[in-house]
Structure formats: C-alpha cells, structure tokens
Amino acid sequence: MTGLGSLNRALRPYATALLRAARSLNPHATVTSTKRSRKSQAALYRNYVAGRSRFPAAAPGSSKHERGLALDLGGLSAGQLSKLGKLWRSWGGRWGGSFRSRDPIHFESGR
C-alpha cells in the first residue's frame, strides 16, 4: 500500500508532515510503501536475500511495515533523504539511513 491512511493512526500526522517536508524539497516526492501484508513482506525479503533488491527488507514478522508503523519515500536524492531523516529523528522516529543495513528511503515509528 502507498496511502498514509493505512498507517497506524498515531503515526499519520508525522507521516503527513514528513511528506509535506519532502515535497517542499522535491515536488515529485512520493510515498512508495506503507503497510504491507506478511506475504508482501516475505516476497520483498526473498528478493533482498537473492540480491534482486536495491534496498534491504526485513524478514517477515519483523518489519514495522506489517504493523503500519513505517513508510518508504521515493523520488528524492540522497541529500534530501538525509535532511528528512534528521527531521524524522528529531520527532522521535527511526530513519533507515542510519541503520547498519542503510535503508535511506525508510522511516519508522520510534516506538
């Protein structure tokens, strides 16, 4: 899913503000993923393990996407994602660009 309405209710205002900030940096910024089913997460994980994915994917059952607590953004440069990551972290969230696995498009709840 890509709609912010599929996110956990408590996360939606922050996700909306993040998307607004992203579009102020680049009007072509988009939400590429929000809540996922376990089946969808498993497919992404298999592609990642097989080397067919540019971005890391968590194992099924361990992704915050499955609980509606994460979103991915697209259409942004590395510098723009870094700026957004700093903003997201200042709000108490966790940014994938600071993960060991380096997932700069990923923004998740800090709880």
C-alpha atoms as a PDB file:
ATOM      1  CA  MET A   1       0.000   0.000   0.000  1.00  0.00           C
ATOM      2  CA  THR A   2       1.086   3.563  -0.510  1.00  0.00           C
ATOM      3  CA  GLY A   3      -1.662   5.552   1.185  1.00  0.00           C
ATOM      4  CA  LEU A   4      -0.940   7.243   4.500  1.00  0.00           C
ATOM      5  CA  GLY A   5      -4.408   6.169   5.658  1.00  0.00           C
ATOM      6  CA  SER A   6      -3.130   2.593   6.063  1.00  0.00           C
ATOM      7  CA  LEU A   7      -0.625   3.718   8.705  1.00  0.00           C
ATOM      8  CA  ASN A   8      -1.194   3.462  12.432  1.00  0.00           C
ATOM      9  CA  ARG A   9      -3.367   6.381  13.497  1.00  0.00           C
ATOM     10  CA  ALA A  10      -0.718   7.822  15.860  1.00  0.00           C
ATOM     11  CA  LEU A  11       1.881   7.855  13.058  1.00  0.00           C
ATOM     12  CA  ARG A  12      -0.286   9.525  10.402  1.00  0.00           C
ATOM     13  CA  PRO A  13       0.224  13.182  11.469  1.00  0.00           C
ATOM     14  CA  TYR A  14       4.004  12.715  11.467  1.00  0.00           C
ATOM     15  CA  ALA A  15       3.941  10.895   8.124  1.00  0.00           C
ATOM     16  CA  THR A  16       1.792  13.661   6.645  1.00  0.00           C
ATOM     17  CA  ALA A  17       4.195  16.325   7.909  1.00  0.00           C
ATOM     18  CA  LEU A  18       7.174  14.343   6.587  1.00  0.00           C
ATOM     19  CA  LEU A  19       5.590  14.038   3.151  1.00  0.00           C
ATOM     20  CA  ARG A  20       4.866  17.775   3.167  1.00  0.00           C
ATOM     21  CA  ALA A  21       8.523  18.455   4.037  1.00  0.00           C
ATOM     22  CA  ALA A  22       9.651  16.021   1.323  1.00  0.00           C
ATOM     23  CA  ARG A  23       7.538  17.758  -1.293  1.00  0.00           C
ATOM     24  CA  SER A  24       8.954  21.121  -0.246  1.00  0.00           C
ATOM     25  CA  LEU A  25      12.378  19.728  -1.183  1.00  0.00           C
ATOM     26  CA  ASN A  26      11.156  17.974  -4.335  1.00  0.00           C
ATOM     27  CA  PRO A  27       7.581  18.213  -5.636  1.00  0.00           C
ATOM     28  CA  HIS A  28       7.971  14.749  -7.180  1.00  0.00           C
ATOM     29  CA  ALA A  29       8.475  13.041  -3.795  1.00  0.00           C
ATOM     30  CA  THR A  30       6.123  10.108  -3.319  1.00  0.00           C
ATOM     31  CA  VAL A  31       5.190   7.526  -0.752  1.00  0.00           C
ATOM     32  CA  THR A  32       6.250   4.210  -2.259  1.00  0.00           C
ATOM     33  CA  SER A  33       5.185   1.878   0.557  1.00  0.00           C
ATOM     34  CA  THR A  34       3.266   1.946   3.839  1.00  0.00           C
ATOM     35  CA  LYS A  35       1.501  -1.018   5.438  1.00  0.00           C
ATOM     36  CA  ARG A  36       2.338  -4.426   3.976  1.00  0.00           C
ATOM     37  CA  SER A  37       0.909  -7.883   4.352  1.00  0.00           C
ATOM     38  CA  ARG A  38       3.160 -10.644   5.640  1.00  0.00           C
ATOM     39  CA  LYS A  39       3.004 -12.223   2.171  1.00  0.00           C
ATOM     40  CA  SER A  40       4.185  -8.995   0.535  1.00  0.00           C
ATOM     41  CA  GLN A  41       6.954  -8.606   3.127  1.00  0.00           C
ATOM     42  CA  ALA A  42       8.068 -12.197   2.511  1.00  0.00           C
ATOM     43  CA  ALA A  43       8.336 -11.532  -1.235  1.00  0.00           C
ATOM     44  CA  LEU A  44      10.389  -8.373  -0.656  1.00  0.00           C
ATOM     45  CA  TYR A  45      12.638 -10.239   1.775  1.00  0.00           C
ATOM     46  CA  ARG A  46      13.200 -13.108  -0.696  1.00  0.00           C
ATOM     47  CA  ASN A  47      14.180 -10.598  -3.389  1.00  0.00           C
ATOM     48  CA  TYR A  48      16.557  -8.854  -0.982  1.00  0.00           C
ATOM     49  CA  VAL A  49      18.238 -12.110   0.086  1.00  0.00           C
ATOM     50  CA  ALA A  50      18.557 -13.168  -3.567  1.00  0.00           C
ATOM     51  CA  GLY A  51      20.259  -9.871  -4.430  1.00  0.00           C
ATOM     52  CA  ARG A  52      17.373  -8.618  -6.572  1.00  0.00           C
ATOM     53  CA  SER A  53      16.583  -5.559  -4.442  1.00  0.00           C
ATOM     54  CA  ARG A  54      18.355  -2.243  -4.240  1.00  0.00           C
ATOM     55  CA  PHE A  55      17.111  -1.714  -0.685  1.00  0.00           C
ATOM     56  CA  PRO A  56      17.150  -4.056   2.310  1.00  0.00           C
ATOM     57  CA  ALA A  57      13.972  -5.736   3.537  1.00  0.00           C
ATOM     58  CA  ALA A  58      13.328  -7.137   6.997  1.00  0.00           C
ATOM     59  CA  ALA A  59      12.334 -10.746   7.471  1.00  0.00           C
ATOM     60  CA  PRO A  60       8.582 -11.352   7.593  1.00  0.00           C
ATOM     61  CA  GLY A  61       7.233 -10.817  11.080  1.00  0.00           C
ATOM     62  CA  SER A  62       9.921  -8.291  11.979  1.00  0.00           C
ATOM     63  CA  SER A  63       9.040  -5.360   9.724  1.00  0.00           C
ATOM     64  CA  LYS A  64       7.267  -2.318  11.108  1.00  0.00           C
ATOM     65  CA  HIS A  65       5.603  -2.036   7.694  1.00  0.00           C
ATOM     66  CA  GLU A  66       3.493  -5.065   8.633  1.00  0.00           C
ATOM     67  CA  ARG A  67       2.077  -3.168  11.613  1.00  0.00           C
ATOM     68  CA  GLY A  68       1.523   0.103   9.745  1.00  0.00           C
ATOM     69  CA  LEU A  69       4.402   1.753  11.602  1.00  0.00           C
ATOM     70  CA  ALA A  70       6.678   2.561   8.648  1.00  0.00           C
ATOM     71  CA  LEU A  71       6.727   4.237   5.274  1.00  0.00           C
ATOM     72  CA  ASP A  72       9.149   4.479   2.372  1.00  0.00           C
ATOM     73  CA  LEU A  73       9.662   7.579   0.251  1.00  0.00           C
ATOM     74  CA  GLY A  74      10.761   7.815  -3.369  1.00  0.00           C
ATOM     75  CA  GLY A  75      11.774  10.483  -5.846  1.00  0.00           C
ATOM     76  CA  LEU A  76      14.350  12.087  -3.548  1.00  0.00           C
ATOM     77  CA  SER A  77      18.117  12.498  -3.688  1.00  0.00           C
ATOM     78  CA  ALA A  78      20.439  11.104  -1.033  1.00  0.00           C
ATOM     79  CA  GLY A  79      20.922  14.618   0.370  1.00  0.00           C
ATOM     80  CA  GLN A  80      17.194  15.235   0.548  1.00  0.00           C
ATOM     81  CA  LEU A  81      16.630  11.898   2.287  1.00  0.00           C
ATOM     82  CA  SER A  82      19.354  12.759   4.783  1.00  0.00           C
ATOM     83  CA  LYS A  83      17.665  16.079   5.612  1.00  0.00           C
ATOM     84  CA  LEU A  84      14.341  14.320   6.047  1.00  0.00           C
ATOM     85  CA  GLY A  85      15.995  11.640   8.166  1.00  0.00           C
ATOM     86  CA  LYS A  86      17.321  14.285  10.555  1.00  0.00           C
ATOM     87  CA  LEU A  87      13.887  15.859  10.775  1.00  0.00           C
ATOM     88  CA  TRP A  88      12.209  12.480  11.367  1.00  0.00           C
ATOM     89  CA  ARG A  89      14.686  11.600  14.100  1.00  0.00           C
ATOM     90  CA  SER A  90      14.097  14.974  15.776  1.00  0.00           C
ATOM     91  CA  TRP A  91      10.440  13.913  16.089  1.00  0.00           C
ATOM     92  CA  GLY A  92      11.467  10.662  17.794  1.00  0.00           C
ATOM     93  CA  GLY A  93      11.300   8.401  14.741  1.00  0.00           C
ATOM     94  CA  ARG A  94      13.897   5.997  13.387  1.00  0.00           C
ATOM     95  CA  TRP A  95      15.405   6.606   9.947  1.00  0.00           C
ATOM     96  CA  GLY A  96      16.694   3.725   7.842  1.00  0.00           C
ATOM     97  CA  GLY A  97      19.620   5.774   6.553  1.00  0.00           C
ATOM     98  CA  SER A  98      21.187   5.480   9.997  1.00  0.00           C
ATOM     99  CA  PHE A  99      20.630   1.697  10.193  1.00  0.00           C
ATOM    100  CA  ARG A 100      23.565  -0.628   9.701  1.00  0.00           C
ATOM    101  CA  SER A 101      21.733  -2.003   6.647  1.00  0.00           C
ATOM    102  CA  ARG A 102      21.496   1.532   5.135  1.00  0.00           C
ATOM    103  CA  ASP A 103      17.891   1.925   4.022  1.00  0.00           C
ATOM    104  CA  PRO A 104      17.617   5.698   3.375  1.00  0.00           C
ATOM    105  CA  ILE A 105      14.081   5.571   1.958  1.00  0.00           C
ATOM    106  CA  HIS A 106      12.697   4.013   5.173  1.00  0.00           C
ATOM    107  CA  PHE A 107      11.081   5.980   8.012  1.00  0.00           C
ATOM    108  CA  GLU A 108       9.546   4.202  11.001  1.00  0.00           C
ATOM    109  CA  SER A 109       7.988   4.826  14.370  1.00  0.00           C
ATOM    110  CA  GLY A 110      10.443   5.137  17.223  1.00  0.00           C
ATOM    111  CA  ARG A 111       8.281   3.016  19.490  1.00  0.00           C
END
